[in-house]
Amino acid sequence: TITTRIKDAGIVILGKTNMDEFAMGSSTENSAYQLTRNPW
């Protein structure tokens, strides 16, 4: 539903972002695919 609302609002979806697997974690190190780094 939120994807539909974002598209209906004319917001441009660039792509999908990395995350801890099934949202279980506090560091994104639990992703099965790659590390994400803090830009700071």
Full PDB file with SEQRES, HELIX, SHEET, SSBOND, CRYST1, ORIGX, SCALE, CONECT and MASTER records, all heavy atoms in Angstrom:
SEQRES   1 A   40  THR ILE THR THR ARG ILE LYS ASP ALA GLY ILE VAL ILE          
SEQRES   2 A   40  LEU GLY LYS THR ASN MET ASP GLU PHE ALA MET GLY SER          
SEQRES   3 A   40  SER THR GLU ASN SER ALA TYR GLN LEU THR ARG ASN PRO          
SEQRES   4 A   40  TRP                                                          
HELIX    1 AA1 ILE A    2  ASP A    8  1                                   7    
HELIX    2 AA2 GLU A   21  ALA A   23  5                                   3    
CRYST1    1.000    1.000    1.000  90.00  90.00  90.00 P 1           1          
ORIGX1      1.000000  0.000000  0.000000        0.00000                         
ORIGX2      0.000000  1.000000  0.000000        0.00000                         
ORIGX3      0.000000  0.000000  1.000000        0.00000                         
SCALE1      1.000000  0.000000  0.000000        0.00000                         
SCALE2      0.000000  1.000000  0.000000        0.00000                         
SCALE3      0.000000  0.000000  1.000000        0.00000                         
ATOM      1  N   THR A   1       0.827  -1.210   0.000  1.00  0.00           N  
ATOM      2  CA  THR A   1       0.000   0.000   0.000  1.00  0.00           C  
ATOM      3  C   THR A   1       0.859   1.257   0.000  1.00  0.00           C  
ATOM      4  O   THR A   1       0.576   2.214  -0.738  1.00  0.00           O  
ATOM      5  CB  THR A   1      -0.942   0.006   1.210  1.00  0.00           C  
ATOM      6  OG1 THR A   1      -1.840  -1.101   1.093  1.00  0.00           O  
ATOM      7  CG2 THR A   1      -1.739   1.293   1.293  1.00  0.00           C  
ATOM      8  N   ILE A   2       1.930   1.271   0.805  1.00  0.00           N  
ATOM      9  CA  ILE A   2       2.747   2.492   0.823  1.00  0.00           C  
ATOM     10  C   ILE A   2       3.491   2.684  -0.496  1.00  0.00           C  
ATOM     11  O   ILE A   2       3.724   3.819  -0.923  1.00  0.00           O  
ATOM     12  CB  ILE A   2       3.723   2.539   2.018  1.00  0.00           C  
ATOM     13  CG1 ILE A   2       4.693   1.379   2.014  1.00  0.00           C  
ATOM     14  CG2 ILE A   2       2.983   2.613   3.315  1.00  0.00           C  
ATOM     15  CD1 ILE A   2       5.776   1.531   3.080  1.00  0.00           C  
ATOM     16  N   THR A   3       3.833   1.594  -1.176  1.00  0.00           N  
ATOM     17  CA  THR A   3       4.451   1.715  -2.501  1.00  0.00           C  
ATOM     18  C   THR A   3       3.479   2.370  -3.465  1.00  0.00           C  
ATOM     19  O   THR A   3       3.845   3.281  -4.230  1.00  0.00           O  
ATOM     20  CB  THR A   3       4.875   0.343  -3.032  1.00  0.00           C  
ATOM     21  OG1 THR A   3       5.717  -0.313  -2.080  1.00  0.00           O  
ATOM     22  CG2 THR A   3       5.614   0.465  -4.346  1.00  0.00           C  
ATOM     23  N   THR A   4       2.224   1.925  -3.434  1.00  0.00           N  
ATOM     24  CA  THR A   4       1.194   2.513  -4.294  1.00  0.00           C  
ATOM     25  C   THR A   4       1.029   3.992  -4.003  1.00  0.00           C  
ATOM     26  O   THR A   4       0.945   4.821  -4.924  1.00  0.00           O  
ATOM     27  CB  THR A   4      -0.136   1.784  -4.083  1.00  0.00           C  
ATOM     28  OG1 THR A   4       0.014   0.404  -4.424  1.00  0.00           O  
ATOM     29  CG2 THR A   4      -1.244   2.393  -4.929  1.00  0.00           C  
ATOM     30  N   ARG A   5       1.002   4.358  -2.723  1.00  0.00           N  
ATOM     31  CA  ARG A   5       0.806   5.764  -2.363  1.00  0.00           C  
ATOM     32  C   ARG A   5       1.995   6.614  -2.774  1.00  0.00           C  
ATOM     33  O   ARG A   5       1.837   7.766  -3.189  1.00  0.00           O  
ATOM     34  CB  ARG A   5       0.535   5.873  -0.863  1.00  0.00           C  
ATOM     35  CG  ARG A   5      -0.841   5.333  -0.497  1.00  0.00           C  
ATOM     36  CD  ARG A   5      -1.143   5.361   0.988  1.00  0.00           C  
ATOM     37  NE  ARG A   5      -2.517   4.910   1.223  1.00  0.00           N  
ATOM     38  CZ  ARG A   5      -3.051   4.678   2.412  1.00  0.00           C  
ATOM     39  NH1 ARG A   5      -2.314   4.858   3.510  1.00  0.00           N  
ATOM     40  NH2 ARG A   5      -4.307   4.273   2.529  1.00  0.00           N  
ATOM     41  N   ILE A   6       3.185   6.051  -2.671  1.00  0.00           N  
ATOM     42  CA  ILE A   6       4.382   6.774  -3.106  1.00  0.00           C  
ATOM     43  C   ILE A   6       4.346   7.016  -4.613  1.00  0.00           C  
ATOM     44  O   ILE A   6       4.616   8.121  -5.099  1.00  0.00           O  
ATOM     45  CB  ILE A   6       5.640   5.990  -2.685  1.00  0.00           C  
ATOM     46  CG1 ILE A   6       5.888   6.173  -1.182  1.00  0.00           C  
ATOM     47  CG2 ILE A   6       6.867   6.419  -3.492  1.00  0.00           C  
ATOM     48  CD1 ILE A   6       6.897   5.219  -0.600  1.00  0.00           C  
ATOM     49  N   LYS A   7       3.980   5.990  -5.365  1.00  0.00           N  
ATOM     50  CA  LYS A   7       3.883   6.159  -6.816  1.00  0.00           C  
ATOM     51  C   LYS A   7       2.794   7.155  -7.192  1.00  0.00           C  
ATOM     52  O   LYS A   7       2.985   7.998  -8.078  1.00  0.00           O  
ATOM     53  CB  LYS A   7       3.624   4.798  -7.464  1.00  0.00           C  
ATOM     54  CG  LYS A   7       4.802   3.836  -7.405  1.00  0.00           C  
ATOM     55  CD  LYS A   7       4.454   2.496  -8.040  1.00  0.00           C  
ATOM     56  CE  LYS A   7       5.648   1.552  -8.053  1.00  0.00           C  
ATOM     57  NZ  LYS A   7       5.316   0.219  -8.646  1.00  0.00           N  
ATOM     58  N   ASP A   8       1.637   7.066  -6.509  1.00  0.00           N  
ATOM     59  CA  ASP A   8       0.537   7.976  -6.809  1.00  0.00           C  
ATOM     60  C   ASP A   8       0.914   9.428  -6.502  1.00  0.00           C  
ATOM     61  O   ASP A   8       0.357  10.357  -7.109  1.00  0.00           O  
ATOM     62  CB  ASP A   8      -0.704   7.592  -5.994  1.00  0.00           C  
ATOM     63  CG  ASP A   8      -1.348   6.303  -6.472  1.00  0.00           C  
ATOM     64  OD1 ASP A   8      -1.006   5.835  -7.576  1.00  0.00           O  
ATOM     65  OD2 ASP A   8      -2.194   5.759  -5.736  1.00  0.00           O  
ATOM     66  N   ALA A   9       1.837   9.634  -5.564  1.00  0.00           N  
ATOM     67  CA  ALA A   9       2.280  10.979  -5.208  1.00  0.00           C  
ATOM     68  C   ALA A   9       3.344  11.514  -6.169  1.00  0.00           C  
ATOM     69  O   ALA A   9       3.827  12.639  -5.981  1.00  0.00           O  
ATOM     70  CB  ALA A   9       2.827  10.987  -3.778  1.00  0.00           C  
ATOM     71  N   GLY A  10       3.726  10.725  -7.166  1.00  0.00           N  
ATOM     72  CA  GLY A  10       4.738  11.165  -8.117  1.00  0.00           C  
ATOM     73  C   GLY A  10       6.154  11.099  -7.592  1.00  0.00           C  
ATOM     74  O   GLY A  10       7.080  11.651  -8.191  1.00  0.00           O  
ATOM     75  N   ILE A  11       6.342  10.426  -6.463  1.00  0.00           N  
ATOM     76  CA  ILE A  11       7.677  10.259  -5.895  1.00  0.00           C  
ATOM     77  C   ILE A  11       8.405   9.179  -6.687  1.00  0.00           C  
ATOM     78  O   ILE A  11       7.831   8.147  -7.042  1.00  0.00           O  
ATOM     79  CB  ILE A  11       7.582   9.879  -4.403  1.00  0.00           C  
ATOM     80  CG1 ILE A  11       6.845  10.982  -3.626  1.00  0.00           C  
ATOM     81  CG2 ILE A  11       8.951   9.634  -3.811  1.00  0.00           C  
ATOM     82  CD1 ILE A  11       6.467  10.599  -2.209  1.00  0.00           C  
ATOM     83  N   VAL A  12       9.669   9.409  -6.966  1.00  0.00           N  
ATOM     84  CA  VAL A  12      10.453   8.546  -7.851  1.00  0.00           C  
ATOM     85  C   VAL A  12      11.237   7.528  -7.016  1.00  0.00           C  
ATOM     86  O   VAL A  12      12.123   7.913  -6.241  1.00  0.00           O  
ATOM     87  CB  VAL A  12      11.414   9.385  -8.709  1.00  0.00           C  
ATOM     88  CG1 VAL A  12      12.306   8.489  -9.557  1.00  0.00           C  
ATOM     89  CG2 VAL A  12      10.617  10.348  -9.592  1.00  0.00           C  
ATOM     90  N   ILE A  13      10.924   6.263  -7.163  1.00  0.00           N  
ATOM     91  CA  ILE A  13      11.608   5.209  -6.408  1.00  0.00           C  
ATOM     92  C   ILE A  13      12.901   4.836  -7.131  1.00  0.00           C  
ATOM     93  O   ILE A  13      12.882   4.325  -8.254  1.00  0.00           O  
ATOM     94  CB  ILE A  13      10.713   3.971  -6.232  1.00  0.00           C  
ATOM     95  CG1 ILE A  13       9.443   4.347  -5.460  1.00  0.00           C  
ATOM     96  CG2 ILE A  13      11.468   2.852  -5.517  1.00  0.00           C  
ATOM     97  CD1 ILE A  13       8.414   3.228  -5.364  1.00  0.00           C  
ATOM     98  N   LEU A  14      14.031   5.108  -6.483  1.00  0.00           N  
ATOM     99  CA  LEU A  14      15.338   4.839  -7.086  1.00  0.00           C  
ATOM    100  C   LEU A  14      15.719   3.370  -7.012  1.00  0.00           C  
ATOM    101  O   LEU A  14      16.442   2.870  -7.884  1.00  0.00           O  
ATOM    102  CB  LEU A  14      16.414   5.660  -6.373  1.00  0.00           C  
ATOM    103  CG  LEU A  14      16.304   7.184  -6.490  1.00  0.00           C  
ATOM    104  CD1 LEU A  14      17.296   7.845  -5.551  1.00  0.00           C  
ATOM    105  CD2 LEU A  14      16.546   7.633  -7.930  1.00  0.00           C  
ATOM    106  N   GLY A  15      15.300   2.676  -5.962  1.00  0.00           N  
ATOM    107  CA  GLY A  15      15.678   1.273  -5.803  1.00  0.00           C  
ATOM    108  C   GLY A  15      15.439   0.823  -4.387  1.00  0.00           C  
ATOM    109  O   GLY A  15      14.804   1.508  -3.576  1.00  0.00           O  
ATOM    110  N   LYS A  16      15.987  -0.367  -4.054  1.00  0.00           N  
ATOM    111  CA  LYS A  16      15.752  -1.022  -2.773  1.00  0.00           C  
ATOM    112  C   LYS A  16      17.030  -1.006  -1.939  1.00  0.00           C  
ATOM    113  O   LYS A  16      18.123  -1.277  -2.441  1.00  0.00           O  
ATOM    114  CB  LYS A  16      15.297  -2.474  -3.005  1.00  0.00           C  
ATOM    115  CG  LYS A  16      14.122  -2.628  -3.968  1.00  0.00           C  
ATOM    116  CD  LYS A  16      12.875  -1.915  -3.494  1.00  0.00           C  
ATOM    117  CE  LYS A  16      12.235  -2.593  -2.304  1.00  0.00           C  
ATOM    118  NZ  LYS A  16      11.725  -3.936  -2.612  1.00  0.00           N  
ATOM    119  N   THR A  17      16.872  -0.723  -0.645  1.00  0.00           N  
ATOM    120  CA  THR A  17      18.037  -0.541   0.210  1.00  0.00           C  
ATOM    121  C   THR A  17      18.306  -1.737   1.113  1.00  0.00           C  
ATOM    122  O   THR A  17      17.415  -2.496   1.483  1.00  0.00           O  
ATOM    123  CB  THR A  17      17.886   0.717   1.083  1.00  0.00           C  
ATOM    124  OG1 THR A  17      16.667   0.618   1.844  1.00  0.00           O  
ATOM    125  CG2 THR A  17      17.854   1.961   0.221  1.00  0.00           C  
ATOM    126  N   ASN A  18      19.571  -1.844   1.498  1.00  0.00           N  
ATOM    127  CA  ASN A  18      20.041  -2.951   2.333  1.00  0.00           C  
ATOM    128  C   ASN A  18      19.464  -2.854   3.740  1.00  0.00           C  
ATOM    129  O   ASN A  18      19.083  -1.777   4.207  1.00  0.00           O  
ATOM    130  CB  ASN A  18      21.578  -2.921   2.392  1.00  0.00           C  
ATOM    131  CG  ASN A  18      22.159  -4.214   2.904  1.00  0.00           C  
ATOM    132  OD1 ASN A  18      21.567  -5.279   2.778  1.00  0.00           O  
ATOM    133  ND2 ASN A  18      23.339  -4.143   3.495  1.00  0.00           N  
ATOM    134  N   MET A  19      19.437  -3.985   4.449  1.00  0.00           N  
ATOM    135  CA  MET A  19      18.831  -4.045   5.769  1.00  0.00           C  
ATOM    136  C   MET A  19      19.290  -5.299   6.494  1.00  0.00           C  
ATOM    137  O   MET A  19      19.762  -6.255   5.878  1.00  0.00           O  
ATOM    138  CB  MET A  19      17.304  -4.080   5.640  1.00  0.00           C  
ATOM    139  CG  MET A  19      16.782  -5.242   4.789  1.00  0.00           C  
ATOM    140  SD  MET A  19      14.988  -5.299   4.639  1.00  0.00           S  
ATOM    141  CE  MET A  19      14.542  -5.901   6.274  1.00  0.00           C  
ATOM    142  N   ASP A  20      19.156  -5.292   7.828  1.00  0.00           N  
ATOM    143  CA  ASP A  20      19.325  -6.526   8.577  1.00  0.00           C  
ATOM    144  C   ASP A  20      18.252  -7.516   8.142  1.00  0.00           C  
ATOM    145  O   ASP A  20      17.091  -7.144   7.927  1.00  0.00           O  
ATOM    146  CB  ASP A  20      19.177  -6.260  10.080  1.00  0.00           C  
ATOM    147  CG  ASP A  20      20.395  -5.588  10.680  1.00  0.00           C  
ATOM    148  OD1 ASP A  20      21.490  -6.155  10.564  1.00  0.00           O  
ATOM    149  OD2 ASP A  20      20.245  -4.497  11.272  1.00  0.00           O  
ATOM    150  N   GLU A  21      18.628  -8.773   8.018  1.00  0.00           N  
ATOM    151  CA  GLU A  21      17.719  -9.806   7.523  1.00  0.00           C  
ATOM    152  C   GLU A  21      16.414  -9.821   8.315  1.00  0.00           C  
ATOM    153  O   GLU A  21      16.407  -9.911   9.534  1.00  0.00           O  
ATOM    154  CB  GLU A  21      18.405 -11.166   7.616  1.00  0.00           C  
ATOM    155  CG  GLU A  21      17.581 -12.295   7.019  1.00  0.00           C  
ATOM    156  CD  GLU A  21      18.305 -13.635   7.106  1.00  0.00           C  
ATOM    157  OE1 GLU A  21      19.385 -13.699   7.721  1.00  0.00           O  
ATOM    158  OE2 GLU A  21      17.775 -14.618   6.562  1.00  0.00           O  
ATOM    159  N   PHE A  22      15.305  -9.694   7.574  1.00  0.00           N  
ATOM    160  CA  PHE A  22      13.968  -9.641   8.160  1.00  0.00           C  
ATOM    161  C   PHE A  22      13.861  -8.587   9.258  1.00  0.00           C  
ATOM    162  O   PHE A  22      13.081  -8.729  10.200  1.00  0.00           O  
ATOM    163  CB  PHE A  22      13.524 -11.016   8.665  1.00  0.00           C  
ATOM    164  CG  PHE A  22      13.167 -11.959   7.554  1.00  0.00           C  
ATOM    165  CD1 PHE A  22      14.044 -12.973   7.186  1.00  0.00           C  
ATOM    166  CD2 PHE A  22      11.981 -11.818   6.859  1.00  0.00           C  
ATOM    167  CE1 PHE A  22      13.723 -13.833   6.139  1.00  0.00           C  
ATOM    168  CE2 PHE A  22      11.655 -12.673   5.806  1.00  0.00           C  
ATOM    169  CZ  PHE A  22      12.529 -13.684   5.442  1.00  0.00           C  
ATOM    170  N   ALA A  23      14.654  -7.527   9.136  1.00  0.00           N  
ATOM    171  CA  ALA A  23      14.628  -6.382  10.061  1.00  0.00           C  
ATOM    172  C   ALA A  23      15.099  -6.747  11.463  1.00  0.00           C  
ATOM    173  O   ALA A  23      14.755  -6.072  12.427  1.00  0.00           O  
ATOM    174  CB  ALA A  23      13.224  -5.752  10.115  1.00  0.00           C  
ATOM    175  N   MET A  24      15.919  -7.779  11.576  1.00  0.00           N  
ATOM    176  CA  MET A  24      16.388  -8.236  12.881  1.00  0.00           C  
ATOM    177  C   MET A  24      17.833  -7.809  13.088  1.00  0.00           C  
ATOM    178  O   MET A  24      18.769  -8.505  12.698  1.00  0.00           O  
ATOM    179  CB  MET A  24      16.252  -9.759  12.988  1.00  0.00           C  
ATOM    180  CG  MET A  24      14.817 -10.247  12.857  1.00  0.00           C  
ATOM    181  SD  MET A  24      14.704 -12.036  13.025  1.00  0.00           S  
ATOM    182  CE  MET A  24      13.006 -12.307  12.499  1.00  0.00           C  
ATOM    183  N   GLY A  25      18.014  -6.632  13.708  1.00  0.00           N  
ATOM    184  CA  GLY A  25      19.360  -6.165  13.979  1.00  0.00           C  
ATOM    185  C   GLY A  25      19.410  -4.668  14.176  1.00  0.00           C  
ATOM    186  O   GLY A  25      18.449  -3.946  13.867  1.00  0.00           O  
ATOM    187  N   SER A  26      20.542  -4.192  14.669  1.00  0.00           N  
ATOM    188  CA  SER A  26      20.735  -2.772  14.948  1.00  0.00           C  
ATOM    189  C   SER A  26      21.944  -2.201  14.223  1.00  0.00           C  
ATOM    190  O   SER A  26      22.412  -1.114  14.571  1.00  0.00           O  
ATOM    191  CB  SER A  26      20.916  -2.562  16.464  1.00  0.00           C  
ATOM    192  OG  SER A  26      19.805  -3.037  17.174  1.00  0.00           O  
ATOM    193  N   SER A  27      22.458  -2.922  13.227  1.00  0.00           N  
ATOM    194  CA  SER A  27      23.688  -2.458  12.581  1.00  0.00           C  
ATOM    195  C   SER A  27      23.735  -2.708  11.075  1.00  0.00           C  
ATOM    196  O   SER A  27      24.668  -2.282  10.410  1.00  0.00           O  
ATOM    197  CB  SER A  27      24.898  -3.161  13.213  1.00  0.00           C  
ATOM    198  OG  SER A  27      24.853  -4.551  12.955  1.00  0.00           O  
ATOM    199  N   THR A  28      22.753  -3.413  10.525  1.00  0.00           N  
ATOM    200  CA  THR A  28      22.704  -3.836   9.122  1.00  0.00           C  
ATOM    201  C   THR A  28      23.822  -4.818   8.785  1.00  0.00           C  
ATOM    202  O   THR A  28      24.051  -5.144   7.626  1.00  0.00           O  
ATOM    203  CB  THR A  28      22.684  -2.628   8.163  1.00  0.00           C  
ATOM    204  OG1 THR A  28      21.677  -1.700   8.637  1.00  0.00           O  
ATOM    205  CG2 THR A  28      22.290  -2.987   6.750  1.00  0.00           C  
ATOM    206  N   GLU A  29      24.510  -5.323   9.803  1.00  0.00           N  
ATOM    207  CA  GLU A  29      25.522  -6.353   9.569  1.00  0.00           C  
ATOM    208  C   GLU A  29      24.905  -7.730   9.397  1.00  0.00           C  
ATOM    209  O   GLU A  29      25.597  -8.674   9.012  1.00  0.00           O  
ATOM    210  CB  GLU A  29      26.515  -6.376  10.732  1.00  0.00           C  
ATOM    211  CG  GLU A  29      27.377  -5.136  10.820  1.00  0.00           C  
ATOM    212  CD  GLU A  29      28.189  -5.094  12.100  1.00  0.00           C  
ATOM    213  OE1 GLU A  29      27.593  -4.885  13.183  1.00  0.00           O  
ATOM    214  OE2 GLU A  29      29.416  -5.285  12.014  1.00  0.00           O  
ATOM    215  N   ASN A  30      23.621  -7.878   9.683  1.00  0.00           N  
ATOM    216  CA  ASN A  30      22.949  -9.163   9.520  1.00  0.00           C  
ATOM    217  C   ASN A  30      22.355  -9.348   8.134  1.00  0.00           C  
ATOM    218  O   ASN A  30      21.647 -10.327   7.895  1.00  0.00           O  
ATOM    219  CB  ASN A  30      21.836  -9.323  10.569  1.00  0.00           C  
ATOM    220  CG  ASN A  30      22.388  -9.445  11.975  1.00  0.00           C  
ATOM    221  OD1 ASN A  30      23.442 -10.029  12.192  1.00  0.00           O  
ATOM    222  ND2 ASN A  30      21.683  -8.866  12.941  1.00  0.00           N  
ATOM    223  N   SER A  31      22.608  -8.428   7.224  1.00  0.00           N  
ATOM    224  CA  SER A  31      22.185  -8.627   5.838  1.00  0.00           C  
ATOM    225  C   SER A  31      22.875  -9.845   5.252  1.00  0.00           C  
ATOM    226  O   SER A  31      24.058 -10.094   5.504  1.00  0.00           O  
ATOM    227  CB  SER A  31      22.541  -7.403   4.999  1.00  0.00           C  
ATOM    228  OG  SER A  31      22.352  -7.662   3.625  1.00  0.00           O  
ATOM    229  N   ALA A  32      22.143 -10.588   4.439  1.00  0.00           N  
ATOM    230  CA  ALA A  32      22.729 -11.748   3.771  1.00  0.00           C  
ATOM    231  C   ALA A  32      23.562 -11.355   2.557  1.00  0.00           C  
ATOM    232  O   ALA A  32      24.203 -12.229   1.951  1.00  0.00           O  
ATOM    233  CB  ALA A  32      21.623 -12.709   3.342  1.00  0.00           C  
ATOM    234  N   TYR A  33      23.591 -10.069   2.198  1.00  0.00           N  
ATOM    235  CA  TYR A  33      24.163  -9.675   0.921  1.00  0.00           C  
ATOM    236  C   TYR A  33      25.420  -8.807   1.013  1.00  0.00           C  
ATOM    237  O   TYR A  33      26.375  -9.029   0.275  1.00  0.00           O  
ATOM    238  CB  TYR A  33      23.098  -8.945   0.087  1.00  0.00           C  
ATOM    239  CG  TYR A  33      21.932  -9.833  -0.247  1.00  0.00           C  
ATOM    240  CD1 TYR A  33      20.757  -9.759   0.487  1.00  0.00           C  
ATOM    241  CD2 TYR A  33      22.017 -10.789  -1.259  1.00  0.00           C  
ATOM    242  CE1 TYR A  33      19.681 -10.596   0.198  1.00  0.00           C  
ATOM    243  CE2 TYR A  33      20.959 -11.630  -1.553  1.00  0.00           C  
ATOM    244  CZ  TYR A  33      19.795 -11.533  -0.813  1.00  0.00           C  
ATOM    245  OH  TYR A  33      18.741 -12.370  -1.083  1.00  0.00           O  
ATOM    246  N   GLN A  34      25.430  -7.795   1.869  1.00  0.00           N  
ATOM    247  CA  GLN A  34      26.569  -6.882   1.848  1.00  0.00           C  
ATOM    248  C   GLN A  34      26.585  -6.054   3.119  1.00  0.00           C  
ATOM    249  O   GLN A  34      25.607  -6.001   3.867  1.00  0.00           O  
ATOM    250  CB  GLN A  34      26.485  -5.939   0.637  1.00  0.00           C  
ATOM    251  CG  GLN A  34      25.274  -5.004   0.677  1.00  0.00           C  
ATOM    252  CD  GLN A  34      25.063  -4.266  -0.627  1.00  0.00           C  
ATOM    253  OE1 GLN A  34      25.247  -4.820  -1.711  1.00  0.00           O  
ATOM    254  NE2 GLN A  34      24.661  -3.004  -0.535  1.00  0.00           N  
ATOM    255  N   LEU A  35      27.706  -5.401   3.347  1.00  0.00           N  
ATOM    256  CA  LEU A  35      27.823  -4.436   4.436  1.00  0.00           C  
ATOM    257  C   LEU A  35      27.364  -3.069   3.950  1.00  0.00           C  
ATOM    258  O   LEU A  35      27.596  -2.693   2.794  1.00  0.00           O  
ATOM    259  CB  LEU A  35      29.274  -4.320   4.911  1.00  0.00           C  
ATOM    260  CG  LEU A  35      29.817  -5.380   5.861  1.00  0.00           C  
ATOM    261  CD1 LEU A  35      31.295  -5.088   6.142  1.00  0.00           C  
ATOM    262  CD2 LEU A  35      29.018  -5.426   7.159  1.00  0.00           C  
ATOM    263  N   THR A  36      26.743  -2.321   4.831  1.00  0.00           N  
ATOM    264  CA  THR A  36      26.471  -0.916   4.579  1.00  0.00           C  
ATOM    265  C   THR A  36      27.295  -0.105   5.576  1.00  0.00           C  
ATOM    266  O   THR A  36      27.394  -0.470   6.754  1.00  0.00           O  
ATOM    267  CB  THR A  36      24.977  -0.603   4.750  1.00  0.00           C  
ATOM    268  OG1 THR A  36      24.229  -1.367   3.798  1.00  0.00           O  
ATOM    269  CG2 THR A  36      24.701   0.882   4.524  1.00  0.00           C  
ATOM    270  N   ARG A  37      27.879   0.985   5.106  1.00  0.00           N  
ATOM    271  CA  ARG A  37      28.778   1.784   5.937  1.00  0.00           C  
ATOM    272  C   ARG A  37      28.165   3.148   6.251  1.00  0.00           C  
ATOM    273  O   ARG A  37      27.397   3.696   5.461  1.00  0.00           O  
ATOM    274  CB  ARG A  37      30.131   1.960   5.231  1.00  0.00           C  
ATOM    275  CG  ARG A  37      30.824   0.632   4.946  1.00  0.00           C  
ATOM    276  CD  ARG A  37      32.118   0.806   4.175  1.00  0.00           C  
ATOM    277  NE  ARG A  37      32.705  -0.500   3.864  1.00  0.00           N  
ATOM    278  CZ  ARG A  37      33.491  -1.170   4.686  1.00  0.00           C  
ATOM    279  NH1 ARG A  37      33.813  -0.649   5.863  1.00  0.00           N  
ATOM    280  NH2 ARG A  37      33.985  -2.349   4.337  1.00  0.00           N  
ATOM    281  N   ASN A  38      28.521   3.679   7.393  1.00  0.00           N  
ATOM    282  CA  ASN A  38      28.042   4.984   7.819  1.00  0.00           C  
ATOM    283  C   ASN A  38      28.797   6.070   7.048  1.00  0.00           C  
ATOM    284  O   ASN A  38      30.034   6.134   7.109  1.00  0.00           O  
ATOM    285  CB  ASN A  38      28.283   5.152   9.322  1.00  0.00           C  
ATOM    286  CG  ASN A  38      27.588   6.363   9.902  1.00  0.00           C  
ATOM    287  OD1 ASN A  38      27.486   7.407   9.273  1.00  0.00           O  
ATOM    288  ND2 ASN A  38      27.102   6.220  11.131  1.00  0.00           N  
ATOM    289  N   PRO A  39      28.106   6.935   6.313  1.00  0.00           N  
ATOM    290  CA  PRO A  39      28.810   7.959   5.533  1.00  0.00           C  
ATOM    291  C   PRO A  39      29.644   8.921   6.376  1.00  0.00           C  
ATOM    292  O   PRO A  39      30.557   9.563   5.843  1.00  0.00           O  
ATOM    293  CB  PRO A  39      27.670   8.693   4.823  1.00  0.00           C  
ATOM    294  CG  PRO A  39      26.576   7.686   4.732  1.00  0.00           C  
ATOM    295  CD  PRO A  39      26.666   6.904   6.015  1.00  0.00           C  
ATOM    296  N   TRP A  40      29.366   9.051   7.674  1.00  0.00           N  
ATOM    297  CA  TRP A  40      30.183   9.903   8.541  1.00  0.00           C  
ATOM    298  C   TRP A  40      31.551   9.294   8.818  1.00  0.00           C  
ATOM    299  O   TRP A  40      32.524  10.012   9.038  1.00  0.00           O  
ATOM    300  CB  TRP A  40      29.466  10.149   9.871  1.00  0.00           C  
ATOM    301  CG  TRP A  40      28.302  11.066   9.765  1.00  0.00           C  
ATOM    302  CD1 TRP A  40      27.029  10.733   9.381  1.00  0.00           C  
ATOM    303  CD2 TRP A  40      28.284  12.468  10.017  1.00  0.00           C  
ATOM    304  NE1 TRP A  40      26.227  11.842   9.384  1.00  0.00           N  
ATOM    305  CE2 TRP A  40      26.966  12.919   9.779  1.00  0.00           C  
ATOM    306  CE3 TRP A  40      29.255  13.383  10.438  1.00  0.00           C  
ATOM    307  CZ2 TRP A  40      26.600  14.263   9.937  1.00  0.00           C  
ATOM    308  CZ3 TRP A  40      28.890  14.709  10.599  1.00  0.00           C  
ATOM    309  CH2 TRP A  40      27.587  15.137  10.343  1.00  0.00           C  
TER     310      TRP A  40                                                      
MASTER        0    0    0    2    0    0    0    6  309    1    0    4          
END                                                                             
